[in-house]
Amino acid sequence: MIIGVPQEIKQQESRVALLPGGAYQLSKRGHIVLVQAGAGVGSGYSDEDYKIAGAEIVSTAVEVFARAGMIIKVKEPLPGEYPLLRPGQILFTYLHLAANRALTEALQNSEVTAIAYETVEVNRRLPLLEPMSEIAGRMSIIVGGYFLAKHCGGTGVLLGGVPGVLPGRVVVIGGGTSGVNAARMATGLGADTTIMEVDIERMRFLDITMHGAHTLYSSTAHLLDLLPTVDLLIGAVLVPGAKAPKLISREMLQIMKPGSVLVDIAIDQGGCAETSRPTTHNMPTYIEEGITHYCVANMPAAFARTATQALTNATYRYIEIIADHGIPGAFKRDPNLLSGLNLMNGQITYRGVAEAHGLEFHPAAEHAG
């Protein structure tokens, strides 16, 4: 198979979908790997690194898309890339289609086979989403704490406090991978940390393992009780493949302290606050109702080398299976991969995406071969 790795064109997206080591392994298995010039530079991998690994360096994305049977990316295609997709081509990347109707329709029209990293499920886990959720969760406390500084318009509260001064209060909505990593960082700094969750068994597990953090059943009433004293609010809610629920209304923000910070990790899936809208690394924040919103849609790109290594550790085995066996051979080889199929032959094959846009749903199993 010819595998294409285009350079990411999303603003300030420095990650790359394949390491030189992965290109080497694929080349040894008889595949052709096309890497667009400069694709790995932002993560610290030069074109020469890929050449040595056996990849072919090509100058333009147009050539990568035209020649490759499978395109592997980090972020979803942007409008300038839509015309480059073609029927039967395999697209393997983060898609987050439930929050993006235009992309959903573009993929339908192109008739690509679109497999989303974020919906591949193994034993109720999302192994291709988890590495980025870990980074985003840990990063949320770093950036949230920074924007609490007075010169950033914050309240001037240091999350960890100092002897004789109470620490800042952090509330994390969602006890999944990103939420747990956010809470771990917050407690490590010494912040007063509460994790809100609806799964009782999950709360029992967190209560045992997350020493220093409190658990609280996630409800509107409990959130309203907490918000007046919160310094940093982390939105870490995830419904796999579907839009994030809007748990934080504008009215809720109005009872928070001016200068408090909201970091919405769920912004890729539409965000969990009514006031959330995507931002970028060069303009990461805006203020609504006196609350600083940090809603960067590709948070892990800030730490591109770590993120690239973590992502490709998780994705490479699936890339290899698809390259070796094609579609639907890969689904037979690893049935878990079928859960990642979002579109095929112009049909939406993931229920959450179809429901988000009111479009017709076709079960992925129809394409299992």
Protein backbone atom coordinates (compact mmCIF):
# COMPACT_ATOMS: atom_id res chain seq x y z
CA MET A 1 0.00 0.00 0.00
CA ILE A 2 1.06 3.59 -0.56
CA ILE A 3 0.74 5.50 2.71
CA GLY A 4 0.71 9.29 2.69
CA VAL A 5 1.72 11.63 5.51
CA PRO A 6 0.81 15.24 4.64
CA GLN A 7 1.97 18.21 6.66
CA GLU A 8 -0.71 19.42 9.08
CA ILE A 9 -2.18 22.76 8.03
CA LYS A 10 -4.33 23.55 11.06
CA GLN A 11 -3.05 26.74 12.65
CA GLN A 12 -0.05 26.03 14.92
CA GLU A 13 -0.40 22.27 14.55
CA SER A 14 3.12 20.87 14.80
CA ARG A 15 2.40 17.19 15.32
CA VAL A 16 2.97 14.56 12.65
CA ALA A 17 1.10 11.28 12.16
CA LEU A 18 4.08 8.94 11.70
CA LEU A 19 7.56 8.77 13.22
CA PRO A 20 10.60 7.92 11.08
CA GLY A 21 10.71 4.61 12.98
CA GLY A 22 7.19 3.85 11.79
CA ALA A 23 8.14 4.72 8.22
CA TYR A 24 11.07 2.32 8.52
CA GLN A 25 8.85 -0.53 9.72
CA LEU A 26 6.29 0.04 6.98
CA SER A 27 8.97 0.22 4.32
CA LYS A 28 10.44 -3.06 5.55
CA ARG A 29 7.00 -4.64 5.16
CA GLY A 30 6.95 -3.65 1.49
CA HIS A 31 4.84 -0.52 1.70
CA ILE A 32 5.63 2.86 0.13
CA VAL A 33 5.60 5.79 2.55
CA LEU A 34 5.18 9.32 1.17
CA VAL A 35 5.99 12.16 3.56
CA GLN A 36 5.38 15.77 2.62
CA ALA A 37 8.48 17.91 2.98
CA GLY A 38 8.61 19.50 6.41
CA ALA A 39 5.81 17.38 7.90
CA GLY A 40 7.89 16.26 10.88
CA VAL A 41 9.93 19.39 11.52
CA GLY A 42 7.57 20.78 14.16
CA SER A 43 8.01 17.61 16.21
CA GLY A 44 11.76 17.54 15.76
CA TYR A 45 12.02 15.08 12.84
CA SER A 46 13.76 16.24 9.69
CA ASP A 47 13.13 15.18 6.10
CA GLU A 48 16.52 13.47 6.24
CA ASP A 49 15.32 11.34 9.18
CA TYR A 50 12.46 10.07 7.02
CA LYS A 51 14.71 9.51 4.00
CA ILE A 52 17.06 7.38 6.08
CA ALA A 53 14.02 5.42 7.29
CA GLY A 54 13.09 4.61 3.68
CA ALA A 55 10.31 7.14 3.11
CA GLU A 56 9.97 9.19 -0.06
CA ILE A 57 9.85 12.95 0.48
CA VAL A 58 7.40 14.76 -1.80
CA SER A 59 7.01 18.51 -2.09
CA THR A 60 3.25 19.03 -1.97
CA ALA A 61 0.15 17.75 -0.23
CA VAL A 62 -1.49 17.44 -3.64
CA GLU A 63 1.00 14.73 -4.59
CA VAL A 64 0.63 12.95 -1.24
CA PHE A 65 -3.16 12.78 -1.56
CA ALA A 66 -3.06 11.89 -5.26
CA ARG A 67 -0.73 8.92 -4.87
CA ALA A 68 -1.61 7.47 -1.45
CA GLY A 69 -4.20 4.78 -0.87
CA MET A 70 -4.20 5.64 2.83
CA ILE A 71 -3.78 9.11 4.30
CA ILE A 72 -2.72 9.28 7.94
CA LYS A 73 -3.00 12.60 9.74
CA VAL A 74 -3.27 14.05 13.21
CA LYS A 75 -6.11 16.55 12.74
CA GLU A 76 -9.21 16.50 10.59
CA PRO A 77 -8.97 17.68 6.96
CA LEU A 78 -9.56 21.40 6.52
CA PRO A 79 -11.61 22.86 3.62
CA GLY A 80 -8.53 23.29 1.44
CA GLU A 81 -7.95 19.53 1.69
CA TYR A 82 -11.50 18.42 0.91
CA PRO A 83 -11.00 18.42 -2.89
CA LEU A 84 -7.91 16.20 -2.50
CA LEU A 85 -9.87 13.28 -1.08
CA ARG A 86 -11.18 10.64 -3.45
CA PRO A 87 -13.51 7.60 -3.44
CA GLY A 88 -12.11 4.50 -1.78
CA GLN A 89 -9.18 6.32 -0.19
CA ILE A 90 -8.61 5.48 3.48
CA LEU A 91 -8.41 8.43 5.87
CA PHE A 92 -7.11 7.63 9.37
CA THR A 93 -6.99 10.60 11.75
CA TYR A 94 -8.84 12.47 14.49
CA LEU A 95 -12.15 13.59 12.97
CA HIS A 96 -14.56 14.78 15.73
CA LEU A 97 -17.36 14.80 13.17
CA ALA A 98 -20.25 15.30 15.59
CA ALA A 99 -19.19 18.93 15.99
CA ASN A 100 -18.47 19.53 12.28
CA ARG A 101 -21.29 19.07 9.77
CA ALA A 102 -19.34 20.65 6.89
CA LEU A 103 -16.56 18.08 7.22
CA THR A 104 -19.08 15.26 7.60
CA GLU A 105 -20.76 16.24 4.35
CA ALA A 106 -17.41 16.68 2.59
CA LEU A 107 -16.38 13.16 3.59
CA GLN A 108 -19.73 11.82 2.43
CA ASN A 109 -19.28 13.50 -0.95
CA SER A 110 -15.71 12.28 -1.33
CA GLU A 111 -16.73 8.66 -0.52
CA VAL A 112 -13.55 8.05 1.47
CA THR A 113 -13.27 5.36 4.12
CA ALA A 114 -12.91 7.55 7.20
CA ILE A 115 -11.64 5.93 10.39
CA ALA A 116 -11.51 8.19 13.45
CA TYR A 117 -8.85 7.72 16.09
CA GLU A 118 -11.21 8.98 18.78
CA THR A 119 -13.90 6.32 18.32
CA VAL A 120 -11.72 3.19 18.16
CA GLU A 121 -12.88 1.33 21.26
CA VAL A 122 -11.22 -1.62 23.01
CA ASN A 123 -12.83 -3.03 26.16
CA ARG A 124 -14.69 0.25 26.78
CA ARG A 125 -11.44 2.19 26.42
CA LEU A 126 -10.49 4.66 23.68
CA PRO A 127 -6.80 3.78 23.25
CA LEU A 128 -6.09 6.22 20.42
CA LEU A 129 -7.71 9.14 22.22
CA GLU A 130 -6.24 8.45 25.65
CA PRO A 131 -2.67 9.70 24.97
CA MET A 132 -3.93 13.11 23.83
CA SER A 133 -6.46 13.21 26.67
CA GLU A 134 -3.62 12.61 29.11
CA ILE A 135 -1.65 15.51 27.67
CA ALA A 136 -4.64 17.85 27.46
CA GLY A 137 -5.65 17.02 31.04
CA ARG A 138 -2.20 17.70 32.44
CA MET A 139 -1.81 20.79 30.29
CA SER A 140 -5.16 22.21 31.41
CA ILE A 141 -3.82 22.85 34.91
CA ILE A 142 -0.61 24.42 33.58
CA VAL A 143 -2.42 26.87 31.30
CA GLY A 144 -5.30 27.41 33.71
CA GLY A 145 -2.91 28.27 36.52
CA TYR A 146 -1.04 30.66 34.25
CA PHE A 147 -4.15 32.56 33.19
CA LEU A 148 -5.15 32.98 36.84
CA ALA A 149 -2.17 35.35 37.13
CA LYS A 150 -3.11 38.98 37.58
CA HIS A 151 -1.20 40.14 34.49
CA CYS A 152 -3.35 37.74 32.45
CA GLY A 153 -6.56 39.19 33.81
CA GLY A 154 -6.99 36.49 36.42
CA THR A 155 -7.88 36.64 40.09
CA GLY A 156 -4.24 36.50 41.16
CA VAL A 157 -4.69 33.18 42.97
CA LEU A 158 -1.77 30.75 43.07
CA LEU A 159 -3.29 27.28 42.83
CA GLY A 160 -0.93 25.70 45.33
CA GLY A 161 -1.14 28.50 47.86
CA VAL A 162 1.71 29.01 50.34
CA PRO A 163 2.04 28.36 54.09
CA GLY A 164 -0.63 30.37 55.85
CA VAL A 165 -2.65 30.97 52.66
CA LEU A 166 -5.36 28.62 51.37
CA PRO A 167 -4.76 27.03 47.95
CA GLY A 168 -6.88 27.74 44.90
CA ARG A 169 -9.94 25.64 44.18
CA VAL A 170 -10.08 23.47 41.06
CA VAL A 171 -13.22 21.70 39.88
CA VAL A 172 -12.92 19.06 37.17
CA ILE A 173 -16.14 18.02 35.44
CA GLY A 174 -15.64 14.45 34.22
CA GLY A 175 -13.64 11.61 35.71
CA GLY A 176 -12.32 10.12 32.48
CA THR A 177 -8.75 10.13 31.21
CA SER A 178 -8.41 13.89 30.73
CA GLY A 179 -10.25 14.66 33.97
CA VAL A 180 -8.11 12.29 36.04
CA ASN A 181 -4.92 13.71 34.58
CA ALA A 182 -6.10 17.25 35.27
CA ALA A 183 -6.93 16.31 38.86
CA ARG A 184 -3.60 14.58 39.32
CA MET A 185 -1.73 17.70 38.22
CA ALA A 186 -3.92 19.95 40.37
CA THR A 187 -3.44 17.87 43.52
CA GLY A 188 0.27 17.66 42.76
CA LEU A 189 0.40 21.46 42.89
CA GLY A 190 -1.47 21.41 46.17
CA ALA A 191 -4.78 22.82 44.89
CA ASP A 192 -8.10 22.03 46.54
CA THR A 193 -9.43 19.66 43.89
CA THR A 194 -12.89 18.21 43.25
CA ILE A 195 -13.75 15.73 40.49
CA MET A 196 -17.41 15.66 39.42
CA GLU A 197 -18.63 12.38 37.91
CA VAL A 198 -21.90 10.49 37.39
CA ASP A 199 -20.55 6.92 37.41
CA ILE A 200 -20.68 5.71 41.02
CA GLU A 201 -18.19 2.89 40.45
CA ARG A 202 -15.82 5.32 38.78
CA MET A 203 -16.09 7.63 41.79
CA ARG A 204 -15.29 4.75 44.14
CA PHE A 205 -12.18 3.99 42.09
CA LEU A 206 -11.14 7.67 42.08
CA ASP A 207 -11.77 7.98 45.80
CA ILE A 208 -9.39 5.10 46.45
CA THR A 209 -6.68 6.10 43.98
CA MET A 210 -6.78 9.91 43.86
CA HIS A 211 -5.54 10.83 47.32
CA GLY A 212 -5.92 14.55 47.86
CA ALA A 213 -8.87 14.97 45.51
CA HIS A 214 -12.56 14.90 46.44
CA THR A 215 -15.28 13.26 44.39
CA LEU A 216 -18.77 14.69 43.97
CA TYR A 217 -21.76 13.44 42.04
CA SER A 218 -22.11 15.60 38.94
CA SER A 219 -25.39 17.47 38.99
CA THR A 220 -26.49 21.00 38.20
CA ALA A 221 -27.30 21.62 41.85
CA HIS A 222 -23.86 20.55 43.06
CA LEU A 223 -22.15 22.56 40.33
CA LEU A 224 -24.12 25.67 41.32
CA ASP A 225 -22.99 25.18 44.92
CA LEU A 226 -19.33 25.04 43.89
CA LEU A 227 -19.08 27.71 41.21
CA PRO A 228 -19.02 30.82 43.43
CA THR A 229 -15.77 29.64 45.04
CA VAL A 230 -14.07 28.03 42.03
CA ASP A 231 -10.84 29.51 40.69
CA LEU A 232 -10.21 27.06 37.83
CA LEU A 233 -12.99 25.06 36.16
CA ILE A 234 -11.98 22.21 33.85
CA GLY A 235 -14.51 20.83 31.35
CA ALA A 236 -13.43 17.24 30.72
CA VAL A 237 -16.70 15.66 29.60
CA LEU A 238 -16.66 13.05 26.83
CA VAL A 239 -19.42 11.19 25.02
CA PRO A 240 -17.46 9.08 22.49
CA GLY A 241 -18.08 10.20 18.93
CA ALA A 242 -20.95 12.53 19.91
CA LYS A 243 -21.30 16.19 20.80
CA ALA A 244 -20.28 17.13 24.32
CA PRO A 245 -23.26 17.95 26.54
CA LYS A 246 -23.64 21.62 27.47
CA LEU A 247 -23.31 21.36 31.23
CA ILE A 248 -22.26 24.96 31.91
CA SER A 249 -24.73 27.68 31.01
CA ARG A 250 -24.06 31.39 30.66
CA GLU A 251 -26.06 31.98 33.84
CA MET A 252 -23.74 29.62 35.73
CA LEU A 253 -20.72 31.65 34.70
CA GLN A 254 -22.35 34.77 36.08
CA ILE A 255 -22.11 33.42 39.63
CA MET A 256 -18.37 32.70 39.33
CA LYS A 257 -15.72 35.13 40.55
CA PRO A 258 -14.59 37.57 37.81
CA GLY A 259 -11.13 36.54 36.64
CA SER A 260 -11.74 32.84 37.21
CA VAL A 261 -10.68 30.53 34.39
CA LEU A 262 -12.54 27.89 32.36
CA VAL A 263 -10.50 25.40 30.35
CA ASP A 264 -12.82 23.46 28.02
CA ILE A 265 -10.96 20.32 26.99
CA ALA A 266 -14.14 19.09 25.25
CA ILE A 267 -14.03 21.88 22.66
CA ASP A 268 -13.12 19.38 19.89
CA GLN A 269 -16.57 17.88 20.41
CA GLY A 270 -18.32 21.25 20.57
CA GLY A 271 -17.42 22.17 24.14
CA CYS A 272 -19.31 21.60 27.39
CA ALA A 273 -20.04 25.28 28.10
CA GLU A 274 -22.68 27.35 26.34
CA THR A 275 -20.12 30.13 25.89
CA SER A 276 -17.29 27.98 24.52
CA ARG A 277 -15.94 28.48 21.00
CA PRO A 278 -12.69 27.17 19.48
CA THR A 279 -9.52 29.22 19.92
CA THR A 280 -5.92 28.83 18.74
CA HIS A 281 -2.54 28.71 20.44
CA ASN A 282 -1.64 32.23 19.32
CA MET A 283 -4.98 33.62 20.59
CA PRO A 284 -5.94 31.03 23.20
CA THR A 285 -8.36 32.95 25.40
CA TYR A 286 -11.32 35.29 25.41
CA ILE A 287 -13.56 36.62 28.17
CA GLU A 288 -17.28 35.94 28.55
CA GLU A 289 -19.23 37.01 31.65
CA GLY A 290 -15.95 38.02 33.28
CA ILE A 291 -14.54 34.47 32.98
CA THR A 292 -11.41 33.73 30.99
CA HIS A 293 -12.15 30.92 28.50
CA TYR A 294 -9.32 28.74 27.20
CA CYS A 295 -10.75 26.65 24.35
CA VAL A 296 -7.81 25.66 22.14
CA ALA A 297 -9.01 22.87 19.86
CA ASN A 298 -5.62 21.16 19.52
CA MET A 299 -4.11 21.58 22.97
CA PRO A 300 -1.49 18.78 22.72
CA ALA A 301 0.13 20.50 19.72
CA ALA A 302 1.75 22.88 22.20
CA PHE A 303 3.96 19.97 23.25
CA ALA A 304 4.31 18.51 19.79
CA ARG A 305 7.25 16.18 20.29
CA THR A 306 5.79 14.49 23.36
CA ALA A 307 2.34 14.39 21.75
CA THR A 308 3.60 12.93 18.47
CA GLN A 309 5.48 10.18 20.26
CA ALA A 310 2.53 9.37 22.51
CA LEU A 311 0.06 9.36 19.62
CA THR A 312 2.12 7.23 17.26
CA ASN A 313 2.85 4.73 20.05
CA ALA A 314 -0.90 4.08 20.05
CA THR A 315 -1.77 4.39 16.34
CA TYR A 316 1.10 2.57 14.64
CA ARG A 317 -0.17 -1.00 15.13
CA TYR A 318 -3.49 -0.06 13.50
CA ILE A 319 -1.73 1.69 10.62
CA GLU A 320 0.28 -1.47 10.04
CA ILE A 321 -2.81 -3.71 10.13
CA ILE A 322 -4.65 -1.51 7.60
CA ALA A 323 -1.59 -1.29 5.34
CA ASP A 324 -1.02 -5.05 5.44
CA HIS A 325 -4.63 -6.20 5.06
CA GLY A 326 -6.58 -3.31 3.55
CA ILE A 327 -10.27 -2.67 4.13
CA PRO A 328 -12.21 -4.82 5.17
CA GLY A 329 -9.33 -7.24 5.82
CA ALA A 330 -8.16 -5.09 8.71
CA PHE A 331 -11.61 -5.28 10.31
CA LYS A 332 -11.44 -9.06 10.23
CA ARG A 333 -7.90 -9.02 11.63
CA ASP A 334 -8.85 -6.67 14.47
CA PRO A 335 -12.63 -6.25 14.94
CA ASN A 336 -12.02 -3.40 17.40
CA LEU A 337 -10.95 -1.23 14.47
CA LEU A 338 -14.50 -1.37 13.12
CA SER A 339 -15.64 0.89 15.95
CA GLY A 340 -13.46 3.61 14.42
CA LEU A 341 -15.26 3.54 11.08
CA ASN A 342 -17.24 6.79 10.77
CA LEU A 343 -17.97 6.88 7.02
CA MET A 344 -17.64 4.55 4.06
CA ASN A 345 -18.93 4.84 0.50
CA GLY A 346 -20.68 8.08 1.39
CA GLN A 347 -22.59 6.49 4.27
CA ILE A 348 -22.32 7.50 7.93
CA THR A 349 -21.42 4.41 9.94
CA TYR A 350 -21.12 5.89 13.44
CA ARG A 351 -24.39 6.45 15.27
CA GLY A 352 -23.26 9.48 17.30
CA VAL A 353 -22.27 11.36 14.15
CA ALA A 354 -25.52 10.57 12.34
CA GLU A 355 -27.61 11.60 15.33
CA ALA A 356 -25.66 14.83 15.83
CA HIS A 357 -26.53 15.97 12.31
CA GLY A 358 -29.89 14.26 11.81
CA LEU A 359 -28.50 12.16 8.95
CA GLU A 360 -29.09 8.56 7.97
CA PHE A 361 -27.13 5.95 9.91
CA HIS A 362 -25.75 2.73 8.41
CA PRO A 363 -24.24 0.27 10.94
CA ALA A 364 -20.51 -0.25 10.49
CA ALA A 365 -21.04 -4.00 10.61
CA GLU A 366 -22.52 -3.75 7.10
CA HIS A 367 -18.99 -3.01 5.88
CA ALA A 368 -17.19 -5.67 7.89
CA GLY A 369 -16.95 -7.94 4.84
